Amino acid sequence: MNKYNTFGVIICLFVGAVSLMFVGCGKKSAPEGIPTVVQEAIQPQTEEEYQQMQTAAYRERLDKNIQHIEQELAKGTFYSDPIDDSILDLGKAQDPRAIPTLCKVLEECPVAEAREYAARAIGWIGDPAGIPVLKEALKDKDYQIKTFAAVALVRLGAHEEARSTLKMIALKENVDDWELNVEAPYWEETGEAREKKKKNKIARLKNSTLAHWALISLAKTRNEQTISIIRQVMNDNNTRLRVSAARYLVGTKHEDDALTTLEKVATYKDANQFERIKALNGLIESGKDITALLKEIEGESKGYVLREVKKLMNKTENK
């Protein structure tokens, strides 16, 4: 091959590489764990393909993660973020082979956060073999464990077993007595600053976070019992919970009450700006014409709310 041919080949390879870069723009990259050569050759074309590649990557690490978690359980040293990641990765792999290890974590691990993650992971996998251990976890003293065990049971189709726990959490019954074993991340400050962050996290969990998870799961079975609970949540003093509950009641016989709640939040200037936009979305989803309301809010808004209202106005105009 002479020097001119060699130069031509180099130019072709360069142009080809640049073309591949532009073709790949805008697509999601393959998940960690997929070899680089494969990532370059096989780019996911759809969201479904991307999710499949992610799951495949987590499954490649399945045996390693199971071994790691079993070793830490045996040593009783479950106190680092890499362990938490390993537990969640087992759930993301969606492989029933991980169920025995996750059940062992939920039953035996002394660290509340690890047990919470194990409950979540069992729900993600969706294997009914995890139901007995999740039912036992409903008796856990820690309310985070109770919540995510109930959420996982709903994912596995065990709605009846989870309902009473979900009701108690959604309605925040005896919330001042809830036990929550919360730790600030290990890299955070020590002393007063650390304790303050723990208290703030506990307050958020009690005020809305856990109740919101319970509400989402209750909404998956909209029978008379769960609708009755959701109606009660719509009277909560937390705006996030009120808006979510109202949106779940759209399309039921309680829709009028739900729309009234959504409109009150949407037009209340001092309400959380994100919840105002969620309330407006709920009104649009109901099929109600809120063009006049959007124009009214547009005239008095600025910043985030104004930008989002303009988007909603375009959305309604294009329907």
C-alpha atoms as a PDB file:
ATOM      1  CA  MET A   1       0.000   0.000   0.000  1.00  0.00           C
ATOM      2  CA  ASN A   2       1.528   3.346  -1.044  1.00  0.00           C
ATOM      3  CA  LYS A   3       1.544   6.454   1.112  1.00  0.00           C
ATOM      4  CA  TYR A   4      -1.444   7.990  -0.733  1.00  0.00           C
ATOM      5  CA  ASN A   5      -3.621   4.948  -0.101  1.00  0.00           C
ATOM      6  CA  THR A   6      -2.558   4.909   3.538  1.00  0.00           C
ATOM      7  CA  PHE A   7      -3.486   8.583   3.881  1.00  0.00           C
ATOM      8  CA  GLY A   8      -6.880   7.898   2.268  1.00  0.00           C
ATOM      9  CA  VAL A   9      -7.634   5.071   4.684  1.00  0.00           C
ATOM     10  CA  ILE A  10      -6.786   7.311   7.654  1.00  0.00           C
ATOM     11  CA  ILE A  11      -9.102  10.051   6.358  1.00  0.00           C
ATOM     12  CA  CYS A  12     -11.954   7.533   5.884  1.00  0.00           C
ATOM     13  CA  LEU A  13     -11.511   6.171   9.399  1.00  0.00           C
ATOM     14  CA  PHE A  14     -11.521   9.696  10.842  1.00  0.00           C
ATOM     15  CA  VAL A  15     -14.687  10.679   8.951  1.00  0.00           C
ATOM     16  CA  GLY A  16     -16.355   7.435  10.018  1.00  0.00           C
ATOM     17  CA  ALA A  17     -15.509   8.027  13.661  1.00  0.00           C
ATOM     18  CA  VAL A  18     -16.866  11.600  13.553  1.00  0.00           C
ATOM     19  CA  SER A  19     -20.060  10.351  11.874  1.00  0.00           C
ATOM     20  CA  LEU A  20     -20.583   7.785  14.611  1.00  0.00           C
ATOM     21  CA  MET A  21     -20.217  10.526  17.219  1.00  0.00           C
ATOM     22  CA  PHE A  22     -22.952  12.609  15.598  1.00  0.00           C
ATOM     23  CA  VAL A  23     -25.214   9.607  15.076  1.00  0.00           C
ATOM     24  CA  GLY A  24     -24.900   8.822  18.756  1.00  0.00           C
ATOM     25  CA  CYS A  25     -25.802  12.360  19.841  1.00  0.00           C
ATOM     26  CA  GLY A  26     -29.094  12.518  21.697  1.00  0.00           C
ATOM     27  CA  LYS A  27     -29.175   8.811  22.493  1.00  0.00           C
ATOM     28  CA  LYS A  28     -28.688   7.382  25.936  1.00  0.00           C
ATOM     29  CA  SER A  29     -25.339   5.757  26.474  1.00  0.00           C
ATOM     30  CA  ALA A  30     -25.136   2.137  27.476  1.00  0.00           C
ATOM     31  CA  PRO A  31     -25.032   1.497  31.234  1.00  0.00           C
ATOM     32  CA  GLU A  32     -21.881   0.905  33.227  1.00  0.00           C
ATOM     33  CA  GLY A  33     -20.740  -2.686  32.989  1.00  0.00           C
ATOM     34  CA  ILE A  34     -21.160  -3.020  29.222  1.00  0.00           C
ATOM     35  CA  PRO A  35     -17.702  -3.213  27.533  1.00  0.00           C
ATOM     36  CA  THR A  36     -16.660  -0.029  25.695  1.00  0.00           C
ATOM     37  CA  VAL A  37     -16.429  -1.792  22.341  1.00  0.00           C
ATOM     38  CA  VAL A  38     -19.997  -3.020  22.714  1.00  0.00           C
ATOM     39  CA  GLN A  39     -21.182   0.418  23.839  1.00  0.00           C
ATOM     40  CA  GLU A  40     -19.813   1.945  20.665  1.00  0.00           C
ATOM     41  CA  ALA A  41     -21.216  -0.760  18.417  1.00  0.00           C
ATOM     42  CA  ILE A  42     -24.668  -1.182  19.992  1.00  0.00           C
ATOM     43  CA  GLN A  43     -26.398   2.039  20.995  1.00  0.00           C
ATOM     44  CA  PRO A  44     -29.941   1.626  22.348  1.00  0.00           C
ATOM     45  CA  GLN A  45     -32.554   2.950  19.942  1.00  0.00           C
ATOM     46  CA  THR A  46     -35.527   3.043  22.321  1.00  0.00           C
ATOM     47  CA  GLU A  47     -36.227   3.466  26.044  1.00  0.00           C
ATOM     48  CA  GLU A  48     -37.148  -0.226  26.219  1.00  0.00           C
ATOM     49  CA  GLU A  49     -33.811  -1.263  24.688  1.00  0.00           C
ATOM     50  CA  TYR A  50     -31.975   1.016  27.106  1.00  0.00           C
ATOM     51  CA  GLN A  51     -33.751  -0.553  30.092  1.00  0.00           C
ATOM     52  CA  GLN A  52     -32.926  -4.029  28.783  1.00  0.00           C
ATOM     53  CA  MET A  53     -29.251  -3.117  28.515  1.00  0.00           C
ATOM     54  CA  GLN A  54     -29.276  -1.710  32.044  1.00  0.00           C
ATOM     55  CA  THR A  55     -30.827  -4.875  33.424  1.00  0.00           C
ATOM     56  CA  ALA A  56     -28.272  -6.983  31.547  1.00  0.00           C
ATOM     57  CA  ALA A  57     -25.437  -4.939  33.055  1.00  0.00           C
ATOM     58  CA  TYR A  58     -26.782  -5.427  36.594  1.00  0.00           C
ATOM     59  CA  ARG A  59     -27.182  -9.165  35.985  1.00  0.00           C
ATOM     60  CA  GLU A  60     -23.523  -9.405  34.989  1.00  0.00           C
ATOM     61  CA  ARG A  61     -22.653  -8.240  38.513  1.00  0.00           C
ATOM     62  CA  LEU A  62     -25.314 -10.364  40.245  1.00  0.00           C
ATOM     63  CA  ASP A  63     -23.081 -13.129  41.638  1.00  0.00           C
ATOM     64  CA  LYS A  64     -20.432 -10.646  42.735  1.00  0.00           C
ATOM     65  CA  ASN A  65     -22.995  -8.506  44.587  1.00  0.00           C
ATOM     66  CA  ILE A  66     -24.606 -11.515  46.265  1.00  0.00           C
ATOM     67  CA  GLN A  67     -21.211 -12.734  47.458  1.00  0.00           C
ATOM     68  CA  HIS A  68     -20.282  -9.264  48.723  1.00  0.00           C
ATOM     69  CA  ILE A  69     -23.522  -8.869  50.699  1.00  0.00           C
ATOM     70  CA  GLU A  70     -23.314 -12.386  52.175  1.00  0.00           C
ATOM     71  CA  GLN A  71     -19.760 -11.702  53.362  1.00  0.00           C
ATOM     72  CA  GLU A  72     -20.758  -8.420  54.990  1.00  0.00           C
ATOM     73  CA  LEU A  73     -23.730 -10.077  56.701  1.00  0.00           C
ATOM     74  CA  ALA A  74     -21.451 -12.756  58.086  1.00  0.00           C
ATOM     75  CA  LYS A  75     -19.044 -10.102  59.421  1.00  0.00           C
ATOM     76  CA  GLY A  76     -21.809  -7.770  60.625  1.00  0.00           C
ATOM     77  CA  THR A  77     -20.210  -4.751  58.924  1.00  0.00           C
ATOM     78  CA  PHE A  78     -23.149  -3.317  57.003  1.00  0.00           C
ATOM     79  CA  TYR A  79     -22.207   0.330  57.314  1.00  0.00           C
ATOM     80  CA  SER A  80     -21.113   1.742  53.966  1.00  0.00           C
ATOM     81  CA  ASP A  81     -22.697   3.125  50.827  1.00  0.00           C
ATOM     82  CA  PRO A  82     -21.149   0.449  48.555  1.00  0.00           C
ATOM     83  CA  ILE A  83     -23.209  -2.121  50.478  1.00  0.00           C
ATOM     84  CA  ASP A  84     -26.395  -0.117  49.946  1.00  0.00           C
ATOM     85  CA  ASP A  85     -25.600   0.118  46.238  1.00  0.00           C
ATOM     86  CA  SER A  86     -25.084  -3.637  46.053  1.00  0.00           C
ATOM     87  CA  ILE A  87     -28.523  -4.251  47.563  1.00  0.00           C
ATOM     88  CA  LEU A  88     -30.252  -1.880  45.140  1.00  0.00           C
ATOM     89  CA  ASP A  89     -28.305  -3.380  42.222  1.00  0.00           C
ATOM     90  CA  LEU A  90     -29.740  -6.804  43.075  1.00  0.00           C
ATOM     91  CA  GLY A  91     -33.215  -5.341  42.709  1.00  0.00           C
ATOM     92  CA  LYS A  92     -32.347  -3.624  39.433  1.00  0.00           C
ATOM     93  CA  ALA A  93     -31.081  -6.927  38.024  1.00  0.00           C
ATOM     94  CA  GLN A  94     -34.655  -8.259  38.422  1.00  0.00           C
ATOM     95  CA  ASP A  95     -33.356 -11.792  38.891  1.00  0.00           C
ATOM     96  CA  PRO A  96     -35.148 -14.125  41.360  1.00  0.00           C
ATOM     97  CA  ARG A  97     -31.789 -15.663  42.331  1.00  0.00           C
ATOM     98  CA  ALA A  98     -31.224 -12.584  44.507  1.00  0.00           C
ATOM     99  CA  ILE A  99     -34.358 -13.147  46.624  1.00  0.00           C
ATOM    100  CA  PRO A 100     -32.783 -15.433  49.307  1.00  0.00           C
ATOM    101  CA  THR A 101     -29.982 -12.930  49.980  1.00  0.00           C
ATOM    102  CA  LEU A 102     -32.350  -9.954  50.065  1.00  0.00           C
ATOM    103  CA  CYS A 103     -34.683 -11.807  52.439  1.00  0.00           C
ATOM    104  CA  LYS A 104     -31.719 -12.528  54.692  1.00  0.00           C
ATOM    105  CA  VAL A 105     -30.825  -8.814  54.760  1.00  0.00           C
ATOM    106  CA  LEU A 106     -34.412  -7.888  55.602  1.00  0.00           C
ATOM    107  CA  GLU A 107     -34.549 -10.453  58.416  1.00  0.00           C
ATOM    108  CA  GLU A 108     -31.063 -10.244  59.908  1.00  0.00           C
ATOM    109  CA  CYS A 109     -29.325  -6.943  59.118  1.00  0.00           C
ATOM    110  CA  PRO A 110     -29.125  -4.544  62.088  1.00  0.00           C
ATOM    111  CA  VAL A 111     -28.918  -1.455  59.838  1.00  0.00           C
ATOM    112  CA  ALA A 112     -32.346   0.036  59.090  1.00  0.00           C
ATOM    113  CA  GLU A 113     -31.361   1.624  55.775  1.00  0.00           C
ATOM    114  CA  ALA A 114     -30.066  -1.701  54.436  1.00  0.00           C
ATOM    115  CA  ARG A 115     -33.337  -3.414  55.411  1.00  0.00           C
ATOM    116  CA  GLU A 116     -35.316  -0.643  53.705  1.00  0.00           C
ATOM    117  CA  TYR A 117     -33.308  -1.100  50.493  1.00  0.00           C
ATOM    118  CA  ALA A 118     -33.789  -4.867  50.656  1.00  0.00           C
ATOM    119  CA  ALA A 119     -37.578  -4.412  50.859  1.00  0.00           C
ATOM    120  CA  ARG A 120     -37.489  -2.087  47.856  1.00  0.00           C
ATOM    121  CA  ALA A 121     -35.322  -4.512  45.874  1.00  0.00           C
ATOM    122  CA  ILE A 122     -37.624  -7.475  46.560  1.00  0.00           C
ATOM    123  CA  GLY A 123     -40.529  -5.434  45.218  1.00  0.00           C
ATOM    124  CA  TRP A 124     -38.597  -4.524  42.060  1.00  0.00           C
ATOM    125  CA  ILE A 125     -37.814  -8.168  41.324  1.00  0.00           C
ATOM    126  CA  GLY A 126     -41.492  -9.084  41.635  1.00  0.00           C
ATOM    127  CA  ASP A 127     -41.049 -12.679  42.820  1.00  0.00           C
ATOM    128  CA  PRO A 128     -43.860 -13.898  45.149  1.00  0.00           C
ATOM    129  CA  ALA A 129     -41.228 -15.860  47.107  1.00  0.00           C
ATOM    130  CA  GLY A 130     -40.502 -12.597  48.926  1.00  0.00           C
ATOM    131  CA  ILE A 131     -44.059 -12.133  50.243  1.00  0.00           C
ATOM    132  CA  PRO A 132     -43.689 -14.019  53.597  1.00  0.00           C
ATOM    133  CA  VAL A 133     -40.615 -12.007  54.627  1.00  0.00           C
ATOM    134  CA  LEU A 134     -42.229  -8.735  53.543  1.00  0.00           C
ATOM    135  CA  LYS A 135     -45.325  -9.533  55.634  1.00  0.00           C
ATOM    136  CA  GLU A 136     -43.075 -10.050  58.661  1.00  0.00           C
ATOM    137  CA  ALA A 137     -41.323  -6.761  57.895  1.00  0.00           C
ATOM    138  CA  LEU A 138     -44.662  -4.944  58.361  1.00  0.00           C
ATOM    139  CA  LYS A 139     -44.107  -5.585  62.092  1.00  0.00           C
ATOM    140  CA  ASP A 140     -40.712  -3.813  62.073  1.00  0.00           C
ATOM    141  CA  LYS A 141     -40.426  -0.979  64.592  1.00  0.00           C
ATOM    142  CA  ASP A 142     -38.909   1.319  61.964  1.00  0.00           C
ATOM    143  CA  TYR A 143     -41.584   3.053  59.907  1.00  0.00           C
ATOM    144  CA  GLN A 144     -39.404   3.281  56.822  1.00  0.00           C
ATOM    145  CA  ILE A 145     -39.206  -0.524  56.779  1.00  0.00           C
ATOM    146  CA  LYS A 146     -42.965  -0.802  57.324  1.00  0.00           C
ATOM    147  CA  THR A 147     -43.630   1.615  54.459  1.00  0.00           C
ATOM    148  CA  PHE A 148     -41.417   0.002  51.850  1.00  0.00           C
ATOM    149  CA  ALA A 149     -42.409  -3.524  52.841  1.00  0.00           C
ATOM    150  CA  ALA A 150     -46.041  -2.521  52.226  1.00  0.00           C
ATOM    151  CA  VAL A 151     -45.126  -0.822  48.934  1.00  0.00           C
ATOM    152  CA  ALA A 152     -43.297  -3.982  47.824  1.00  0.00           C
ATOM    153  CA  LEU A 153     -46.276  -6.174  48.763  1.00  0.00           C
ATOM    154  CA  VAL A 154     -48.524  -4.074  46.512  1.00  0.00           C
ATOM    155  CA  ARG A 155     -46.027  -4.539  43.672  1.00  0.00           C
ATOM    156  CA  LEU A 156     -46.288  -8.295  44.253  1.00  0.00           C
ATOM    157  CA  GLY A 157     -50.089  -8.203  44.183  1.00  0.00           C
ATOM    158  CA  ALA A 158     -50.580  -8.695  47.946  1.00  0.00           C
ATOM    159  CA  HIS A 159     -52.834  -5.639  48.340  1.00  0.00           C
ATOM    160  CA  GLU A 160     -54.945  -6.931  51.227  1.00  0.00           C
ATOM    161  CA  GLU A 161     -51.892  -7.697  53.371  1.00  0.00           C
ATOM    162  CA  ALA A 162     -50.510  -4.200  52.845  1.00  0.00           C
ATOM    163  CA  ARG A 163     -53.662  -2.063  53.098  1.00  0.00           C
ATOM    164  CA  SER A 164     -53.875  -1.498  56.853  1.00  0.00           C
ATOM    165  CA  THR A 165     -50.213  -0.469  57.052  1.00  0.00           C
ATOM    166  CA  LEU A 166     -50.553   1.822  54.043  1.00  0.00           C
ATOM    167  CA  LYS A 167     -53.634   3.436  55.572  1.00  0.00           C
ATOM    168  CA  MET A 168     -51.853   4.081  58.874  1.00  0.00           C
ATOM    169  CA  ILE A 169     -48.896   5.685  57.091  1.00  0.00           C
ATOM    170  CA  ALA A 170     -50.919   7.667  54.518  1.00  0.00           C
ATOM    171  CA  LEU A 171     -53.052   9.173  57.299  1.00  0.00           C
ATOM    172  CA  LYS A 172     -49.979   9.644  59.548  1.00  0.00           C
ATOM    173  CA  GLU A 173     -51.686   7.963  62.493  1.00  0.00           C
ATOM    174  CA  ASN A 174     -49.790   8.588  65.772  1.00  0.00           C
ATOM    175  CA  VAL A 175     -47.019  10.139  63.683  1.00  0.00           C
ATOM    176  CA  ASP A 176     -45.260  11.656  66.705  1.00  0.00           C
ATOM    177  CA  ASP A 177     -44.579   8.145  67.996  1.00  0.00           C
ATOM    178  CA  TRP A 178     -43.095   6.821  64.764  1.00  0.00           C
ATOM    179  CA  GLU A 179     -39.648   5.299  65.198  1.00  0.00           C
ATOM    180  CA  LEU A 180     -37.224   6.222  62.406  1.00  0.00           C
ATOM    181  CA  ASN A 181     -33.608   5.102  62.528  1.00  0.00           C
ATOM    182  CA  VAL A 182     -32.062   7.780  60.340  1.00  0.00           C
ATOM    183  CA  GLU A 183     -28.386   8.499  59.888  1.00  0.00           C
ATOM    184  CA  ALA A 184     -26.817  11.421  58.041  1.00  0.00           C
ATOM    185  CA  PRO A 185     -24.474  10.284  55.234  1.00  0.00           C
ATOM    186  CA  TYR A 186     -21.132   9.189  56.660  1.00  0.00           C
ATOM    187  CA  TRP A 187     -19.241  11.958  54.790  1.00  0.00           C
ATOM    188  CA  GLU A 188     -21.323  14.738  56.361  1.00  0.00           C
ATOM    189  CA  GLU A 189     -20.267  16.975  59.233  1.00  0.00           C
ATOM    190  CA  THR A 190     -20.161  15.697  62.770  1.00  0.00           C
ATOM    191  CA  GLY A 191     -21.654  17.176  65.917  1.00  0.00           C
ATOM    192  CA  GLU A 192     -24.505  19.691  65.812  1.00  0.00           C
ATOM    193  CA  ALA A 193     -24.644  20.016  62.019  1.00  0.00           C
ATOM    194  CA  ARG A 194     -25.017  16.263  61.611  1.00  0.00           C
ATOM    195  CA  GLU A 195     -27.755  16.049  64.233  1.00  0.00           C
ATOM    196  CA  LYS A 196     -29.621  18.928  62.612  1.00  0.00           C
ATOM    197  CA  LYS A 197     -29.622  17.135  59.249  1.00  0.00           C
ATOM    198  CA  LYS A 198     -30.931  13.972  60.903  1.00  0.00           C
ATOM    199  CA  LYS A 199     -33.773  15.913  62.543  1.00  0.00           C
ATOM    200  CA  ASN A 200     -34.664  17.630  59.260  1.00  0.00           C
ATOM    201  CA  LYS A 201     -34.746  14.313  57.429  1.00  0.00           C
ATOM    202  CA  ILE A 202     -36.976  12.751  60.093  1.00  0.00           C
ATOM    203  CA  ALA A 203     -39.319  15.759  59.869  1.00  0.00           C
ATOM    204  CA  ARG A 204     -39.601  15.375  56.072  1.00  0.00           C
ATOM    205  CA  LEU A 205     -40.233  11.646  56.360  1.00  0.00           C
ATOM    206  CA  LYS A 206     -42.987  12.179  58.919  1.00  0.00           C
ATOM    207  CA  ASN A 207     -44.536  15.198  57.236  1.00  0.00           C
ATOM    208  CA  SER A 208     -44.941  13.894  53.706  1.00  0.00           C
ATOM    209  CA  THR A 209     -42.371  11.470  52.250  1.00  0.00           C
ATOM    210  CA  LEU A 210     -43.578   8.188  53.733  1.00  0.00           C
ATOM    211  CA  ALA A 211     -47.252   9.162  53.436  1.00  0.00           C
ATOM    212  CA  HIS A 212     -46.700   9.986  49.761  1.00  0.00           C
ATOM    213  CA  TRP A 213     -45.222   6.523  49.080  1.00  0.00           C
ATOM    214  CA  ALA A 214     -48.187   4.945  50.851  1.00  0.00           C
ATOM    215  CA  LEU A 215     -50.603   7.085  48.850  1.00  0.00           C
ATOM    216  CA  ILE A 216     -49.036   6.014  45.532  1.00  0.00           C
ATOM    217  CA  SER A 217     -49.481   2.350  46.460  1.00  0.00           C
ATOM    218  CA  LEU A 218     -53.062   2.830  47.676  1.00  0.00           C
ATOM    219  CA  ALA A 219     -53.941   4.482  44.366  1.00  0.00           C
ATOM    220  CA  LYS A 220     -52.982   1.300  42.501  1.00  0.00           C
ATOM    221  CA  THR A 221     -56.155  -0.387  43.810  1.00  0.00           C
ATOM    222  CA  ARG A 222     -58.965   2.140  43.515  1.00  0.00           C
ATOM    223  CA  ASN A 223     -61.707   0.252  45.308  1.00  0.00           C
ATOM    224  CA  GLU A 224     -64.100   1.864  47.801  1.00  0.00           C
ATOM    225  CA  GLN A 225     -61.780   1.232  50.744  1.00  0.00           C
ATOM    226  CA  THR A 226     -58.719   2.869  49.206  1.00  0.00           C
ATOM    227  CA  ILE A 227     -60.709   5.753  47.703  1.00  0.00           C
ATOM    228  CA  SER A 228     -62.067   6.492  51.181  1.00  0.00           C
ATOM    229  CA  ILE A 229     -58.493   6.686  52.521  1.00  0.00           C
ATOM    230  CA  ILE A 230     -57.369   8.891  49.627  1.00  0.00           C
ATOM    231  CA  ARG A 231     -60.267  11.287  50.329  1.00  0.00           C
ATOM    232  CA  GLN A 232     -59.034  11.655  53.909  1.00  0.00           C
ATOM    233  CA  VAL A 233     -55.489  12.360  52.696  1.00  0.00           C
ATOM    234  CA  MET A 234     -56.921  15.187  50.556  1.00  0.00           C
ATOM    235  CA  ASN A 235     -57.596  17.026  53.847  1.00  0.00           C
ATOM    236  CA  ASP A 236     -53.983  16.767  55.029  1.00  0.00           C
ATOM    237  CA  ASN A 237     -52.193  20.006  55.913  1.00  0.00           C
ATOM    238  CA  ASN A 238     -49.343  19.103  53.549  1.00  0.00           C
ATOM    239  CA  THR A 239     -49.856  20.583  50.062  1.00  0.00           C
ATOM    240  CA  ARG A 240     -47.950  17.809  48.302  1.00  0.00           C
ATOM    241  CA  LEU A 241     -50.238  15.165  49.766  1.00  0.00           C
ATOM    242  CA  ARG A 242     -53.408  17.153  49.077  1.00  0.00           C
ATOM    243  CA  VAL A 243     -52.518  17.663  45.407  1.00  0.00           C
ATOM    244  CA  SER A 244     -51.515  14.019  44.848  1.00  0.00           C
ATOM    245  CA  ALA A 245     -54.658  12.723  46.547  1.00  0.00           C
ATOM    246  CA  ALA A 246     -56.862  15.076  44.505  1.00  0.00           C
ATOM    247  CA  ARG A 247     -55.252  13.972  41.232  1.00  0.00           C
ATOM    248  CA  TYR A 248     -55.897  10.313  42.114  1.00  0.00           C
ATOM    249  CA  LEU A 249     -59.585  11.117  42.709  1.00  0.00           C
ATOM    250  CA  VAL A 250     -60.101  12.647  39.257  1.00  0.00           C
ATOM    251  CA  GLY A 251     -62.347  10.286  37.328  1.00  0.00           C
ATOM    252  CA  THR A 252     -64.102   8.999  40.449  1.00  0.00           C
ATOM    253  CA  LYS A 253     -67.436  10.092  41.926  1.00  0.00           C
ATOM    254  CA  HIS A 254     -65.448  12.479  44.147  1.00  0.00           C
ATOM    255  CA  GLU A 255     -64.027  14.397  41.188  1.00  0.00           C
ATOM    256  CA  ASP A 256     -65.804  17.670  42.026  1.00  0.00           C
ATOM    257  CA  ASP A 257     -64.151  17.814  45.459  1.00  0.00           C
ATOM    258  CA  ALA A 258     -60.819  16.912  43.874  1.00  0.00           C
ATOM    259  CA  LEU A 259     -61.073  19.694  41.281  1.00  0.00           C
ATOM    260  CA  THR A 260     -61.957  22.215  43.986  1.00  0.00           C
ATOM    261  CA  THR A 261     -58.827  21.234  45.925  1.00  0.00           C
ATOM    262  CA  LEU A 262     -56.640  21.459  42.821  1.00  0.00           C
ATOM    263  CA  GLU A 263     -58.012  24.875  41.899  1.00  0.00           C
ATOM    264  CA  LYS A 264     -57.433  26.221  45.423  1.00  0.00           C
ATOM    265  CA  VAL A 265     -53.788  25.155  45.360  1.00  0.00           C
ATOM    266  CA  ALA A 266     -53.258  26.386  41.791  1.00  0.00           C
ATOM    267  CA  THR A 267     -54.562  29.881  42.603  1.00  0.00           C
ATOM    268  CA  TYR A 268     -52.936  30.246  46.029  1.00  0.00           C
ATOM    269  CA  LYS A 269     -49.910  32.469  45.435  1.00  0.00           C
ATOM    270  CA  ASP A 270     -48.079  31.386  48.594  1.00  0.00           C
ATOM    271  CA  ALA A 271     -48.384  27.654  47.850  1.00  0.00           C
ATOM    272  CA  ASN A 272     -45.283  25.692  46.876  1.00  0.00           C
ATOM    273  CA  GLN A 273     -44.594  26.599  43.231  1.00  0.00           C
ATOM    274  CA  PHE A 274     -44.041  23.002  42.145  1.00  0.00           C
ATOM    275  CA  GLU A 275     -47.326  21.908  43.717  1.00  0.00           C
ATOM    276  CA  ARG A 276     -49.163  24.781  41.994  1.00  0.00           C
ATOM    277  CA  ILE A 277     -47.986  23.465  38.625  1.00  0.00           C
ATOM    278  CA  LYS A 278     -48.904  19.885  39.568  1.00  0.00           C
ATOM    279  CA  ALA A 279     -52.382  21.121  40.525  1.00  0.00           C
ATOM    280  CA  LEU A 280     -52.753  22.840  37.144  1.00  0.00           C
ATOM    281  CA  ASN A 281     -51.677  19.645  35.403  1.00  0.00           C
ATOM    282  CA  GLY A 282     -54.293  17.766  37.397  1.00  0.00           C
ATOM    283  CA  LEU A 283     -56.988  20.180  36.228  1.00  0.00           C
ATOM    284  CA  ILE A 284     -55.894  19.761  32.605  1.00  0.00           C
ATOM    285  CA  GLU A 285     -55.847  15.947  32.955  1.00  0.00           C
ATOM    286  CA  SER A 286     -59.446  16.095  34.146  1.00  0.00           C
ATOM    287  CA  GLY A 287     -60.463  17.623  30.803  1.00  0.00           C
ATOM    288  CA  LYS A 288     -61.558  20.885  32.391  1.00  0.00           C
ATOM    289  CA  ASP A 289     -61.041  24.040  30.326  1.00  0.00           C
ATOM    290  CA  ILE A 290     -58.731  26.220  32.432  1.00  0.00           C
ATOM    291  CA  THR A 291     -57.670  28.681  29.717  1.00  0.00           C
ATOM    292  CA  ALA A 292     -59.024  31.666  31.661  1.00  0.00           C
ATOM    293  CA  LEU A 293     -57.362  30.436  34.874  1.00  0.00           C
ATOM    294  CA  LEU A 294     -54.003  30.035  33.128  1.00  0.00           C
ATOM    295  CA  LYS A 295     -54.211  33.575  31.722  1.00  0.00           C
ATOM    296  CA  GLU A 296     -55.056  34.917  35.175  1.00  0.00           C
ATOM    297  CA  ILE A 297     -52.078  33.147  36.765  1.00  0.00           C
ATOM    298  CA  GLU A 298     -49.808  34.191  33.882  1.00  0.00           C
ATOM    299  CA  GLY A 299     -50.557  37.857  34.564  1.00  0.00           C
ATOM    300  CA  GLU A 300     -49.504  37.669  38.193  1.00  0.00           C
ATOM    301  CA  SER A 301     -46.623  35.196  38.029  1.00  0.00           C
ATOM    302  CA  LYS A 302     -42.898  35.252  37.420  1.00  0.00           C
ATOM    303  CA  GLY A 303     -39.943  32.884  37.317  1.00  0.00           C
ATOM    304  CA  TYR A 304     -40.609  29.162  37.395  1.00  0.00           C
ATOM    305  CA  VAL A 305     -44.405  29.426  37.659  1.00  0.00           C
ATOM    306  CA  LEU A 306     -44.609  31.822  34.692  1.00  0.00           C
ATOM    307  CA  ARG A 307     -42.430  29.580  32.498  1.00  0.00           C
ATOM    308  CA  GLU A 308     -44.461  26.477  33.344  1.00  0.00           C
ATOM    309  CA  VAL A 309     -47.808  28.270  32.874  1.00  0.00           C
ATOM    310  CA  LYS A 310     -46.718  29.331  29.381  1.00  0.00           C
ATOM    311  CA  LYS A 311     -45.877  25.692  28.594  1.00  0.00           C
ATOM    312  CA  LEU A 312     -49.296  24.590  29.828  1.00  0.00           C
ATOM    313  CA  MET A 313     -50.991  27.277  27.730  1.00  0.00           C
ATOM    314  CA  ASN A 314     -49.215  25.964  24.626  1.00  0.00           C
ATOM    315  CA  LYS A 315     -50.155  22.440  25.622  1.00  0.00           C
ATOM    316  CA  THR A 316     -53.864  23.289  25.895  1.00  0.00           C
ATOM    317  CA  GLU A 317     -53.837  25.297  22.652  1.00  0.00           C
ATOM    318  CA  ASN A 318     -52.341  22.358  20.738  1.00  0.00           C
ATOM    319  CA  LYS A 319     -54.967  19.879  21.933  1.00  0.00           C
END
